[in-house]
């Protein structure tokens, strides 16, 4: 008995399956399907089957986070896991604000919330503003310096257009829906106030549930989530599940910044839009930029949501494992952080129990003030409330290790119109871009074979290639001072041999001579050598431990060095795979990365 196969989604294959089925029936023996009206019917049947198959396939794909393609589907799945989607973020700068007067009697003045400033980036004008009110105290001479509640003179200002949305609460027996119709909302700037009536001046401030550690029946919190159309839904408690909820007749006022995201980064000059007035006088506000604007970003991408939502769900809003720290910190502070890593004290070198070590990689342009504020926030908001008691959180700065890549390849000019020099430049650029695009983050692994495969595929003129890889750390020594130095590498170092040096430094001035230090051939002892004459100036300047990756300098004293630091390079024990641990990040030293071509006319006969 003939059956219709239904495993194909291709239109032509479906029609062919239908035709094969009919041809197997005695009623259609010797029937000319191509020239018959039945062919049109088969077209309709195949089209209907094709469309239904596609709809079913797409519907099933959208039902799972890992396979979903629509942003609305990905956002919905992430929200069921309790993951907070990062909205468009406003760029933020820090400035000092001063008012100079001759008034020595007024003690304090205030700067209103949402005071605006104007700046220009790439010939486009943007508005920045304060998100809080600030107080300035007279220093006795008539000069007022505005400060934060913590007493800091660096005042944050954020880019955006201030917008207000007002809702009137209806009958609470009906479902209340509050939609903020703005896809560029920075949800971190939401200020939600609930007034008793439409004419009342008193209000209750509601707080984002993500910033609340404990919820009681008296809590006033809200939830903000991205809607399928890209707008934002504002949600309050239902039946006192999340504390108090607005009542019928209340007025809800929502204020927020509508931001342009990353376009307003790098602003450096800010001009106040208004003067400040008190005692019937107006005065100019003097603005000095502490840090340029940074941190502006677009909505979290679909790929980022897919990667981070499962990790955030696994944490269950607690800090127990190292992965919990990474997931929660990256979720809460993704507007200023590009990457996070964490490890337990037992995995530290040396081991220190009772600690969790966290290393943060900030986005480019994030000021030191914002970096410290972020660490303080992690400590007070996350660690103290969600971490295991008696476990301390310790921050450690990222350490960059630089790859020095030397590529050699055989080059056949007959296979290309490019010169050897052009191809060398292309190979070097490929090596640099490979590191830049694939590494430069925590837990990244360099694999030589992957880069060689990419280089071999650049041109048919590249017949074969090989590569030497070194790893570099940078030392900033104290000049004219005898000191001991320890340089830690995140990998094991190759054992000494009688031909190749395993440890070598950049140039510096030692005892009036241009020198380097390196290991003695065949040993792990270090020596200082005059690079011009080759004379050994110090034959026992320290040593290196191959198994721990530690280079130690004893009694090191130099008077100058080239560049911003002394570059110390080692040969890894395994050049094929370089996998740094903990807070180490792999980058590339472009100046010490090279490519060299050897001409090889492969079709030319060679006589020996």
Protein backbone atom coordinates (compact mmCIF):
# COMPACT_ATOMS: atom_id res chain seq x y z
CA UNK A 1 0.00 0.00 0.00
CA UNK A 2 1.42 3.40 -0.99
CA UNK A 3 1.86 6.06 1.69
CA UNK A 4 2.61 9.79 1.53
CA UNK A 5 5.97 10.69 3.08
CA UNK A 6 5.64 13.83 5.21
CA UNK A 7 9.16 14.49 6.46
CA UNK A 8 10.07 17.10 3.83
CA UNK A 9 9.49 20.86 4.16
CA UNK A 10 10.67 21.80 0.66
CA UNK A 11 7.83 22.70 -1.73
CA UNK A 12 9.14 20.71 -4.70
CA UNK A 13 9.87 17.65 -2.55
CA UNK A 14 6.35 17.72 -1.07
CA UNK A 15 4.78 17.94 -4.54
CA UNK A 16 6.96 15.10 -5.78
CA UNK A 17 5.87 12.95 -2.82
CA UNK A 18 2.20 13.63 -3.63
CA UNK A 19 2.79 12.82 -7.31
CA UNK A 20 4.57 9.57 -6.41
CA UNK A 21 1.62 8.61 -4.24
CA UNK A 22 -0.92 9.19 -7.04
CA UNK A 23 1.20 7.39 -9.61
CA UNK A 24 1.11 4.31 -7.39
CA UNK A 25 -2.70 4.24 -7.58
CA UNK A 26 -4.27 2.20 -10.38
CA UNK A 27 -6.72 5.03 -11.13
CA UNK A 28 -3.84 7.26 -12.27
CA UNK A 29 -1.71 4.75 -14.16
CA UNK A 30 -0.02 6.39 -17.19
CA UNK A 31 -1.51 9.74 -16.16
CA UNK A 32 0.35 12.86 -17.45
CA UNK A 33 0.59 14.92 -14.28
CA UNK A 34 2.59 17.75 -15.84
CA UNK A 35 0.02 18.56 -18.44
CA UNK A 36 -3.12 18.00 -16.35
CA UNK A 37 -5.33 20.12 -14.18
CA UNK A 38 -4.41 17.82 -11.29
CA UNK A 39 -0.95 19.41 -11.32
CA UNK A 40 -2.50 22.69 -10.17
CA UNK A 41 -4.29 20.87 -7.37
CA UNK A 42 -0.99 19.29 -6.34
CA UNK A 43 0.56 22.79 -6.26
CA UNK A 44 -2.10 23.96 -3.83
CA UNK A 45 -1.75 20.87 -1.64
CA UNK A 46 2.04 21.15 -1.60
CA UNK A 47 1.91 24.88 -0.82
CA UNK A 48 -0.54 24.31 2.05
CA UNK A 49 1.60 21.51 3.46
CA UNK A 50 4.77 23.60 3.07
CA UNK A 51 3.30 26.61 4.92
CA UNK A 52 1.85 24.46 7.71
CA UNK A 53 5.20 22.73 8.14
CA UNK A 54 7.06 26.03 8.35
CA UNK A 55 4.56 27.45 10.86
CA UNK A 56 4.83 24.34 13.03
CA UNK A 57 8.62 24.40 12.85
CA UNK A 58 8.86 28.10 13.74
CA UNK A 59 6.27 27.72 16.49
CA UNK A 60 8.24 24.91 18.12
CA UNK A 61 11.49 26.85 17.78
CA UNK A 62 9.99 29.89 19.49
CA UNK A 63 8.85 27.68 22.38
CA UNK A 64 12.42 27.26 23.69
CA UNK A 65 14.92 29.88 24.78
CA UNK A 66 17.89 28.34 22.97
CA UNK A 67 16.14 28.13 19.56
CA UNK A 68 13.88 31.20 19.66
CA UNK A 69 14.61 33.87 17.05
CA UNK A 70 12.06 36.58 17.87
CA UNK A 71 13.08 39.06 20.57
CA UNK A 72 9.62 38.90 22.13
CA UNK A 73 9.95 35.11 22.53
CA UNK A 74 13.46 35.33 24.00
CA UNK A 75 12.38 38.05 26.44
CA UNK A 76 9.33 36.04 27.51
CA UNK A 77 11.39 32.90 28.20
CA UNK A 78 14.01 34.91 30.10
CA UNK A 79 11.37 36.52 32.30
CA UNK A 80 9.98 33.11 33.27
CA UNK A 81 13.50 32.38 34.57
CA UNK A 82 13.42 35.56 36.65
CA UNK A 83 16.01 37.31 34.49
CA UNK A 84 15.93 41.11 34.25
CA UNK A 85 16.47 42.29 30.67
CA UNK A 86 18.79 45.28 30.48
CA UNK A 87 17.13 48.28 28.86
CA UNK A 88 18.78 51.02 26.86
CA UNK A 89 21.20 52.74 29.25
CA UNK A 90 22.00 56.43 29.51
CA UNK A 91 25.58 57.65 29.29
CA UNK A 92 26.77 59.14 32.60
CA UNK A 93 29.50 61.67 33.35
CA UNK A 94 30.74 63.14 36.64
CA UNK A 95 31.32 66.85 37.14
CA UNK A 96 32.01 69.31 39.92
CA UNK A 97 29.51 72.15 40.29
CA UNK A 98 30.54 75.40 41.94
CA UNK A 99 28.78 78.74 42.45
CA UNK A 100 30.91 81.77 43.26
CA UNK A 101 29.22 84.73 44.96
CA UNK A 102 29.98 87.60 47.31
CA UNK A 103 27.27 86.37 49.69
CA UNK A 104 28.85 85.37 53.00
CA UNK A 105 25.60 85.16 54.99
CA UNK A 106 23.67 82.43 53.15
CA UNK A 107 24.72 79.06 54.55
CA UNK A 108 23.25 76.61 52.06
CA UNK A 109 21.78 76.51 48.58
CA UNK A 110 20.20 73.62 46.69
CA UNK A 111 20.43 72.38 43.12
CA UNK A 112 17.07 71.03 41.91
CA UNK A 113 16.59 67.51 40.64
CA UNK A 114 16.72 67.28 36.84
CA UNK A 115 18.98 70.33 36.40
CA UNK A 116 20.06 70.17 32.75
CA UNK A 117 23.39 70.57 30.95
CA UNK A 118 24.21 70.64 27.24
CA UNK A 119 27.10 68.94 25.46
CA UNK A 120 28.12 67.97 21.94
CA UNK A 121 29.40 64.64 20.61
CA UNK A 122 30.24 64.31 16.89
CA UNK A 123 28.47 67.63 16.19
CA UNK A 124 25.23 66.38 17.76
CA UNK A 125 23.88 68.15 20.84
CA UNK A 126 22.73 66.10 23.84
CA UNK A 127 21.13 66.99 27.15
CA UNK A 128 22.46 65.63 30.45
CA UNK A 129 20.80 66.14 33.83
CA UNK A 130 21.06 65.40 37.53
CA UNK A 131 18.82 62.66 38.89
CA UNK A 132 18.86 63.94 42.48
CA UNK A 133 18.78 67.26 44.31
CA UNK A 134 22.13 68.39 45.77
CA UNK A 135 23.11 70.75 48.58
CA UNK A 136 26.06 73.17 48.65
CA UNK A 137 27.44 74.80 51.81
CA UNK A 138 29.04 78.23 51.90
CA UNK A 139 32.76 77.95 52.60
CA UNK A 140 32.73 81.37 54.30
CA UNK A 141 33.90 83.33 51.26
CA UNK A 142 30.71 83.04 49.21
CA UNK A 143 31.79 79.97 47.26
CA UNK A 144 29.36 77.02 47.20
CA UNK A 145 30.49 73.50 46.25
CA UNK A 146 27.71 70.97 45.59
CA UNK A 147 28.21 67.52 47.13
CA UNK A 148 26.47 64.18 47.17
CA UNK A 149 24.86 62.73 50.29
CA UNK A 150 28.14 60.86 50.87
CA UNK A 151 30.07 64.14 50.82
CA UNK A 152 31.63 63.61 47.38
CA UNK A 153 32.18 66.57 45.07
CA UNK A 154 31.85 64.43 41.91
CA UNK A 155 28.22 64.85 40.82
CA UNK A 156 26.83 62.31 38.31
CA UNK A 157 24.80 63.60 35.38
CA UNK A 158 23.03 61.34 32.88
CA UNK A 159 22.01 61.83 29.27
CA UNK A 160 18.40 61.72 28.23
CA UNK A 161 15.11 63.47 27.71
CA UNK A 162 12.99 63.64 30.85
CA UNK A 163 9.57 62.12 30.22
CA UNK A 164 6.53 61.76 32.46
CA UNK A 165 3.69 59.25 32.19
CA UNK A 166 0.60 59.51 34.41
CA UNK A 167 -1.90 56.74 35.17
CA UNK A 168 -5.15 56.77 37.15
CA UNK A 169 -5.84 53.54 39.02
CA UNK A 170 -9.21 52.10 38.12
CA UNK A 171 -11.33 49.46 39.85
CA UNK A 172 -8.83 47.03 41.35
CA UNK A 173 -11.26 44.19 40.60
CA UNK A 174 -10.27 44.67 36.96
CA UNK A 175 -6.81 43.94 35.63
CA UNK A 176 -4.78 47.14 35.67
CA UNK A 177 -2.30 47.56 32.81
CA UNK A 178 0.26 50.38 32.85
CA UNK A 179 2.28 50.70 29.65
CA UNK A 180 5.21 53.09 29.14
CA UNK A 181 5.11 53.61 25.35
CA UNK A 182 8.82 54.25 24.84
CA UNK A 183 11.36 51.73 23.54
CA UNK A 184 14.29 53.94 24.60
CA UNK A 185 13.41 53.99 28.30
CA UNK A 186 16.32 53.65 30.71
CA UNK A 187 14.59 51.56 33.37
CA UNK A 188 17.34 52.31 35.89
CA UNK A 189 16.17 55.94 35.98
CA UNK A 190 12.49 55.18 36.68
CA UNK A 191 11.01 57.21 39.52
CA UNK A 192 7.53 56.00 40.48
CA UNK A 193 5.33 58.07 42.79
CA UNK A 194 1.80 57.13 43.85
CA UNK A 195 -0.51 59.97 44.95
CA UNK A 196 -3.62 59.39 47.05
CA UNK A 197 -5.84 61.34 44.62
CA UNK A 198 -5.48 63.22 41.35
CA UNK A 199 -5.21 66.51 43.27
CA UNK A 200 -3.15 65.31 46.24
CA UNK A 201 0.34 66.71 46.83
CA UNK A 202 1.49 63.88 49.12
CA UNK A 203 2.80 60.72 47.55
CA UNK A 204 4.45 57.36 48.28
CA UNK A 205 7.65 56.43 46.49
CA UNK A 206 7.79 52.93 44.99
CA UNK A 207 11.08 51.06 44.47
CA UNK A 208 12.20 48.66 41.74
CA UNK A 209 11.92 45.12 43.12
CA UNK A 210 15.44 44.39 41.82
CA UNK A 211 16.82 46.85 44.38
CA UNK A 212 14.93 45.37 47.33
CA UNK A 213 16.38 42.64 49.53
CA UNK A 214 13.42 41.97 51.84
CA UNK A 215 9.72 42.41 51.09
CA UNK A 216 7.15 42.86 53.84
CA UNK A 217 3.38 43.55 53.68
CA UNK A 218 4.25 47.24 53.99
CA UNK A 219 6.76 47.25 51.09
CA UNK A 220 6.07 49.51 48.13
CA UNK A 221 7.71 47.97 45.08
CA UNK A 222 7.12 47.74 41.35
CA UNK A 223 8.26 45.44 38.56
CA UNK A 224 9.27 46.79 35.16
CA UNK A 225 9.44 44.40 32.23
CA UNK A 226 9.84 44.64 28.47
CA UNK A 227 6.61 44.06 26.54
CA UNK A 228 6.46 42.07 23.25
CA UNK A 229 6.27 45.31 21.22
CA UNK A 230 9.40 46.76 22.86
CA UNK A 231 7.50 49.08 25.25
CA UNK A 232 7.60 48.55 29.03
CA UNK A 233 4.91 47.23 31.38
CA UNK A 234 4.75 48.61 34.93
CA UNK A 235 3.47 46.01 37.39
CA UNK A 236 2.50 46.34 41.04
CA UNK A 237 1.62 43.87 43.77
CA UNK A 238 -1.50 41.75 43.46
CA UNK A 239 -3.30 40.72 46.66
CA UNK A 240 -0.35 42.05 48.69
CA UNK A 241 2.01 39.39 47.33
CA UNK A 242 4.72 42.04 46.86
CA UNK A 243 3.65 44.40 49.59
CA UNK A 244 1.22 47.25 49.07
CA UNK A 245 -0.35 48.06 45.72
CA UNK A 246 -1.98 51.28 44.44
CA UNK A 247 -5.68 51.57 45.21
CA UNK A 248 -8.59 52.72 43.06
CA UNK A 249 -8.48 56.48 42.59
CA UNK A 250 -4.72 56.78 43.16
CA UNK A 251 -2.62 58.67 40.63
CA UNK A 252 0.63 57.03 39.45
CA UNK A 253 3.31 59.37 38.09
CA UNK A 254 6.30 57.82 36.35
CA UNK A 255 9.34 59.88 35.41
CA UNK A 256 12.28 58.49 33.46
CA UNK A 257 15.02 59.31 30.98
CA UNK A 258 14.60 58.44 27.33
CA UNK A 259 18.19 57.82 26.21
CA UNK A 260 20.12 57.59 22.95
CA UNK A 261 22.40 54.94 24.46
CA UNK A 262 26.03 54.71 23.32
CA UNK A 263 25.80 57.74 20.99
CA UNK A 264 26.30 60.11 23.95
CA UNK A 265 29.47 58.44 25.24
CA UNK A 266 32.74 60.43 25.35
CA UNK A 267 31.16 63.84 26.02
CA UNK A 268 33.70 66.03 27.82
CA UNK A 269 32.42 69.62 27.99
CA UNK A 270 29.14 70.44 29.72
CA UNK A 271 27.36 73.78 29.81
CA UNK A 272 24.54 74.48 32.31
CA UNK A 273 21.28 75.48 30.66
CA UNK A 274 20.20 77.75 33.51
CA UNK A 275 21.59 79.90 36.28
CA UNK A 276 20.87 79.30 39.95
CA UNK A 277 18.85 81.87 41.95
CA UNK A 278 18.67 82.71 45.65
CA UNK A 279 18.18 85.89 47.66
CA UNK A 280 16.74 87.58 44.53
CA UNK A 281 20.05 87.14 42.72
CA UNK A 282 21.06 84.82 39.87
CA UNK A 283 24.52 83.25 39.56
CA UNK A 284 26.36 81.16 37.00
CA UNK A 285 27.16 77.53 37.73
CA UNK A 286 30.80 76.64 37.05
CA UNK A 287 31.15 73.13 35.65
CA UNK A 288 34.42 71.14 35.67
CA UNK A 289 34.43 67.68 34.11
CA UNK A 290 35.78 64.94 36.35
CA UNK A 291 35.15 62.06 33.96
CA UNK A 292 33.85 62.01 30.39
CA UNK A 293 30.48 60.39 29.75
CA UNK A 294 30.47 56.61 29.43
CA UNK A 295 28.27 53.58 30.07
CA UNK A 296 25.66 54.40 27.45
CA UNK A 297 24.49 51.23 25.69
CA UNK A 298 21.68 49.78 23.64
CA UNK A 299 19.13 47.23 24.81
CA UNK A 300 20.56 43.87 25.76
CA UNK A 301 20.97 41.74 22.64
CA UNK A 302 19.16 38.47 22.00
CA UNK A 303 22.48 36.58 22.16
CA UNK A 304 23.33 38.10 25.54
CA UNK A 305 19.90 37.25 26.97
CA UNK A 306 20.19 33.64 25.81
CA UNK A 307 23.62 33.30 27.42
CA UNK A 308 22.90 35.06 30.72
CA UNK A 309 19.31 34.11 31.57
CA UNK A 310 20.03 30.42 32.38
CA UNK A 311 23.02 31.47 34.53
CA UNK A 312 20.92 33.98 36.44
CA UNK A 313 18.21 31.37 37.00
CA UNK A 314 20.78 28.94 38.39
CA UNK A 315 21.80 31.45 41.06
CA UNK A 316 18.27 31.56 42.55
CA UNK A 317 19.09 35.05 43.85
CA UNK A 318 21.81 33.85 46.19
CA UNK A 319 25.60 33.95 46.20
CA UNK A 320 27.02 30.52 46.96
CA UNK A 321 29.15 29.36 44.04
CA UNK A 322 31.57 31.36 41.92
CA UNK A 323 29.12 31.09 39.01
CA UNK A 324 26.45 32.74 41.21
CA UNK A 325 28.69 35.78 41.68
CA UNK A 326 29.43 36.02 37.97
CA UNK A 327 25.79 35.72 36.89
CA UNK A 328 24.24 38.10 39.42
CA UNK A 329 26.90 40.79 39.17
CA UNK A 330 26.84 40.80 35.37
CA UNK A 331 23.03 40.93 35.40
CA UNK A 332 22.83 43.86 37.81
CA UNK A 333 25.75 45.92 36.46
CA UNK A 334 25.87 45.11 32.75
CA UNK A 335 25.66 48.83 31.91
CA UNK A 336 29.23 49.39 33.18
CA UNK A 337 30.74 45.87 33.07
CA UNK A 338 31.79 43.90 30.01
CA UNK A 339 32.86 40.76 31.89
CA UNK A 340 33.10 39.24 35.38
CA UNK A 341 34.94 36.31 36.87
CA UNK A 342 35.02 34.86 40.38
CA UNK A 343 36.79 32.07 42.24
CA UNK A 344 36.84 30.71 45.74
CA UNK A 345 39.61 31.28 48.23
CA UNK A 346 40.58 27.62 48.00
CA UNK A 347 41.40 28.13 44.28
CA UNK A 348 43.44 31.24 44.93
CA UNK A 349 47.25 31.32 44.90
CA UNK A 350 48.06 31.11 47.76
CA UNK A 351 44.83 29.58 49.12
CA UNK A 352 42.96 31.84 51.57
CA UNK A 353 39.80 30.28 52.93
CA UNK A 354 36.68 32.23 53.83
CA UNK A 355 36.89 34.48 50.79
CA UNK A 356 35.39 34.77 47.34
CA UNK A 357 37.55 36.67 44.87
CA UNK A 358 35.83 38.76 42.20
CA UNK A 359 37.47 40.49 39.25
CA UNK A 360 35.54 43.04 37.18
CA UNK A 361 36.32 44.13 33.63
CA UNK A 362 34.75 47.53 33.09
CA UNK A 363 33.69 48.89 29.74
CA UNK A 364 35.98 51.41 28.08
CA UNK A 365 35.72 54.92 29.45
CA UNK A 366 34.27 54.01 32.85
CA UNK A 367 35.82 56.39 35.39
CA UNK A 368 37.62 55.27 38.54
CA UNK A 369 34.87 56.94 40.59
CA UNK A 370 32.19 54.84 38.92
CA UNK A 371 34.34 51.73 39.22
CA UNK A 372 34.71 52.20 42.98
CA UNK A 373 31.01 52.99 43.34
CA UNK A 374 30.17 49.77 41.49
CA UNK A 375 32.39 47.72 43.81
CA UNK A 376 30.84 49.39 46.86
CA UNK A 377 27.35 48.66 45.53
CA UNK A 378 28.19 44.98 44.93
CA UNK A 379 29.56 44.76 48.47
CA UNK A 380 26.62 46.43 50.23
CA UNK A 381 23.66 45.37 48.06
CA UNK A 382 24.65 41.88 46.93
CA UNK A 383 27.39 40.40 49.10
CA UNK A 384 26.12 41.53 52.49
CA UNK A 385 22.56 40.36 51.77
CA UNK A 386 22.85 37.36 49.46
CA UNK A 387 26.23 35.77 50.23
CA UNK A 388 26.95 33.03 52.75
CA UNK A 389 27.77 34.38 56.21
CA UNK A 390 31.48 34.45 57.11
CA UNK A 391 32.45 34.53 53.40
CA UNK A 392 34.08 37.84 52.49
CA UNK A 393 34.05 39.30 48.99
CA UNK A 394 37.47 40.52 47.84
CA UNK A 395 37.96 42.45 44.61
CA UNK A 396 41.06 42.00 42.51
CA UNK A 397 41.89 43.96 39.40
CA UNK A 398 42.14 42.19 36.02
CA UNK A 399 45.69 41.37 34.91
CA UNK A 400 46.41 41.57 31.21
CA UNK A 401 48.86 39.09 29.67
CA UNK A 402 50.09 39.94 26.19
CA UNK A 403 50.71 37.42 23.44
CA UNK A 404 53.75 37.88 21.20
CA UNK A 405 52.98 35.98 17.99
CA UNK A 406 55.62 35.30 15.34
CA UNK A 407 54.26 33.68 12.17
CA UNK A 408 56.43 32.16 9.44
CA UNK A 409 54.90 30.94 6.18
CA UNK A 410 55.94 29.70 2.74
CA UNK A 411 54.68 32.01 -0.01
CA UNK A 412 54.23 31.24 -3.71
CA UNK A 413 53.96 34.50 -5.72
CA UNK A 414 52.62 32.57 -8.74
CA UNK A 415 49.39 31.84 -6.83
CA UNK A 416 48.38 35.46 -6.21
CA UNK A 417 48.66 39.02 -7.42
CA UNK A 418 49.70 40.22 -3.98
CA UNK A 419 53.28 40.80 -2.95
CA UNK A 420 55.01 39.01 -0.09
CA UNK A 421 55.02 42.23 1.97
CA UNK A 422 51.27 42.75 1.47
CA UNK A 423 50.60 39.17 2.52
CA UNK A 424 52.85 39.56 5.58
CA UNK A 425 50.84 42.61 6.62
CA UNK A 426 47.60 40.68 6.07
CA UNK A 427 48.82 37.76 8.19
CA UNK A 428 49.89 40.07 11.03
CA UNK A 429 46.54 41.88 10.94
CA UNK A 430 44.73 38.54 10.99
CA UNK A 431 46.68 37.42 14.07
CA UNK A 432 45.97 40.69 15.91
CA UNK A 433 42.27 40.62 15.01
CA UNK A 434 42.01 36.97 16.06
CA UNK A 435 43.11 37.84 19.59
CA UNK A 436 41.05 41.04 19.72
CA UNK A 437 37.84 39.37 18.56
CA UNK A 438 38.11 36.02 20.34
CA UNK A 439 40.02 36.74 23.54
CA UNK A 440 40.25 39.93 25.66
CA UNK A 441 37.94 38.49 28.31
CA UNK A 442 38.12 36.24 31.35
CA UNK A 443 38.51 32.48 30.86
CA UNK A 444 39.47 32.94 27.20
CA UNK A 445 41.78 30.30 25.71
CA UNK A 446 44.31 30.80 22.93
CA UNK A 447 44.64 27.78 20.65
CA UNK A 448 47.42 27.98 18.09
CA UNK A 449 45.78 25.58 15.64
CA UNK A 450 42.70 27.77 15.25
CA UNK A 451 44.78 30.80 14.28
CA UNK A 452 46.98 28.77 11.91
CA UNK A 453 43.88 27.41 10.18
CA UNK A 454 42.61 30.96 9.69
CA UNK A 455 45.99 32.10 8.32
CA UNK A 456 46.25 29.14 5.91
CA UNK A 457 42.83 30.02 4.54
CA UNK A 458 43.74 33.62 3.70
CA UNK A 459 45.26 32.81 0.32
CA UNK A 460 46.22 29.88 -1.88
CA UNK A 461 49.66 31.49 -2.03
CA UNK A 462 50.22 30.59 1.64
CA UNK A 463 51.49 27.03 1.28
CA UNK A 464 52.04 26.28 4.97
CA UNK A 465 52.60 28.19 8.17
CA UNK A 466 54.14 27.84 11.61
CA UNK A 467 54.07 29.97 14.71
CA UNK A 468 56.09 30.80 17.81
CA UNK A 469 54.18 32.18 20.77
CA UNK A 470 55.49 34.01 23.82
CA UNK A 471 53.61 35.44 26.79
CA UNK A 472 54.41 38.84 28.22
CA UNK A 473 53.81 40.64 31.50
CA UNK A 474 54.75 44.26 32.15
CA UNK A 475 56.77 45.53 35.09
CA UNK A 476 56.89 49.16 36.23
CA UNK A 477 59.97 49.28 38.49
CA UNK A 478 60.96 52.01 40.91
CA UNK A 479 63.91 53.87 39.44
CA UNK A 480 67.19 54.29 41.32
CA UNK A 481 66.00 51.99 44.11
CA UNK A 482 67.27 48.53 45.00
CA UNK A 483 64.20 46.28 45.16
CA UNK A 484 63.06 42.70 44.74
CA UNK A 485 60.33 42.06 42.14
CA UNK A 486 58.02 39.12 41.52
CA UNK A 487 56.38 38.73 38.10
CA UNK A 488 53.57 36.19 37.94
CA UNK A 489 52.60 34.45 34.72
CA UNK A 490 49.31 32.53 34.40
CA UNK A 491 50.96 29.50 32.74
CA UNK A 492 53.89 27.20 33.34
CA UNK A 493 57.18 28.24 31.73
CA UNK A 494 59.23 26.05 29.43
CA UNK A 495 62.14 24.26 31.10
CA UNK A 496 65.66 25.58 30.45
CA UNK A 497 67.67 24.25 27.53
CA UNK A 498 71.11 24.94 26.04
CA UNK A 499 69.92 26.69 22.85
CA UNK A 500 66.93 28.95 23.50
CA UNK A 501 66.32 31.54 26.20
CA UNK A 502 63.07 31.01 28.14
CA UNK A 503 62.86 34.40 29.88
CA UNK A 504 63.85 37.73 28.30
CA UNK A 505 63.06 41.34 29.10
CA UNK A 506 62.82 44.61 27.20
CA UNK A 507 65.60 47.18 27.32
CA UNK A 508 66.47 49.30 30.35
CA UNK A 509 69.43 51.27 31.66
CA UNK A 510 71.51 49.45 34.27
CA UNK A 511 74.83 50.84 35.57
CA UNK A 512 74.88 53.24 32.64
CA UNK A 513 74.51 50.45 30.07
CA UNK A 514 71.59 49.55 27.79
CA UNK A 515 70.71 46.13 29.14
CA UNK A 516 68.19 43.30 29.37
CA UNK A 517 67.81 40.39 31.74
CA UNK A 518 67.35 36.80 30.64
CA UNK A 519 67.91 33.32 31.92
CA UNK A 520 71.29 31.67 31.54
CA UNK A 521 71.16 28.95 28.91
CA UNK A 522 70.57 25.58 30.51
CA UNK A 523 69.53 27.05 33.89
CA UNK A 524 66.68 28.93 35.52
CA UNK A 525 69.04 31.62 36.87
CA UNK A 526 68.65 35.17 35.58
CA UNK A 527 71.45 37.43 34.41
CA UNK A 528 71.67 41.10 33.41
CA UNK A 529 73.41 41.54 30.04
CA UNK A 530 74.72 44.61 28.20
CA UNK A 531 72.75 44.30 24.97
CA UNK A 532 75.35 46.26 23.02
CA UNK A 533 78.55 44.42 24.04
CA UNK A 534 77.07 41.16 25.29
CA UNK A 535 78.92 41.49 28.61
CA UNK A 536 77.23 39.96 31.66
CA UNK A 537 76.76 42.74 34.23
CA UNK A 538 75.11 40.61 36.94
CA UNK A 539 75.31 36.83 36.79
CA UNK A 540 72.77 36.11 39.55
CA UNK A 541 69.92 38.61 39.22
CA UNK A 542 67.19 36.15 40.27
CA UNK A 543 65.52 33.04 38.92
CA UNK A 544 62.32 31.66 37.45
CA UNK A 545 60.15 28.79 38.64
CA UNK A 546 58.91 26.89 35.61
CA UNK A 547 56.09 25.03 37.38
CA UNK A 548 54.54 28.07 39.09
CA UNK A 549 55.21 30.63 36.33
CA UNK A 550 56.95 33.02 38.74
CA UNK A 551 59.91 35.18 37.68
CA UNK A 552 61.82 36.62 40.66
CA UNK A 553 64.32 39.50 40.53
CA UNK A 554 66.68 40.12 43.46
CA UNK A 555 68.24 43.46 44.29
CA UNK A 556 67.14 44.93 40.95
CA UNK A 557 68.12 48.57 40.43
CA UNK A 558 67.79 50.47 37.15
CA UNK A 559 67.92 54.13 36.25
CA UNK A 560 65.64 54.20 33.18
CA UNK A 561 63.63 51.97 30.87
CA UNK A 562 62.15 52.22 27.38
CA UNK A 563 58.46 52.93 26.99
CA UNK A 564 55.92 52.84 29.80
CA UNK A 565 57.15 49.59 31.38
CA UNK A 566 59.69 46.80 31.18
CA UNK A 567 58.26 44.02 29.06
CA UNK A 568 59.08 40.56 30.39
CA UNK A 569 58.49 37.69 27.95
CA UNK A 570 58.51 33.95 28.58
CA UNK A 571 58.15 30.85 26.44
CA UNK A 572 55.12 28.86 27.69
CA UNK A 573 55.61 25.18 28.36
CA UNK A 574 52.68 24.59 26.00
CA UNK A 575 52.58 27.07 23.14
CA UNK A 576 49.67 25.27 21.49
CA UNK A 577 47.14 26.06 24.21
CA UNK A 578 47.40 29.05 26.55
CA UNK A 579 44.65 29.08 29.15
CA UNK A 580 45.04 31.70 31.89
CA UNK A 581 43.17 31.30 35.16
CA UNK A 582 41.47 33.61 37.64
CA UNK A 583 41.74 37.33 36.80
CA UNK A 584 44.11 37.05 33.84
CA UNK A 585 42.98 38.30 30.42
CA UNK A 586 44.77 37.57 27.14
CA UNK A 587 45.52 40.44 24.79
CA UNK A 588 48.15 40.96 22.07
CA UNK A 589 51.26 43.12 21.80
CA UNK A 590 50.99 44.43 18.24
CA UNK A 591 54.53 45.84 18.23
CA UNK A 592 56.05 42.41 19.01
CA UNK A 593 53.73 40.45 16.72
CA UNK A 594 55.18 39.73 13.29
CA UNK A 595 54.80 37.71 10.12
CA UNK A 596 57.62 36.58 7.81
CA UNK A 597 57.22 35.08 4.34
CA UNK A 598 59.67 32.67 2.69
CA UNK A 599 59.40 32.61 -1.09
CA UNK A 600 58.61 29.12 -2.38
CA UNK A 601 57.87 28.60 -6.09
CA UNK A 602 56.30 25.20 -5.61
CA UNK A 603 56.07 24.42 -9.36
CA UNK A 604 59.75 25.22 -10.00
CA UNK A 605 62.05 22.23 -10.21
CA UNK A 606 64.91 22.26 -7.76
CA UNK A 607 68.30 20.65 -8.42
CA UNK A 608 70.24 19.39 -5.45
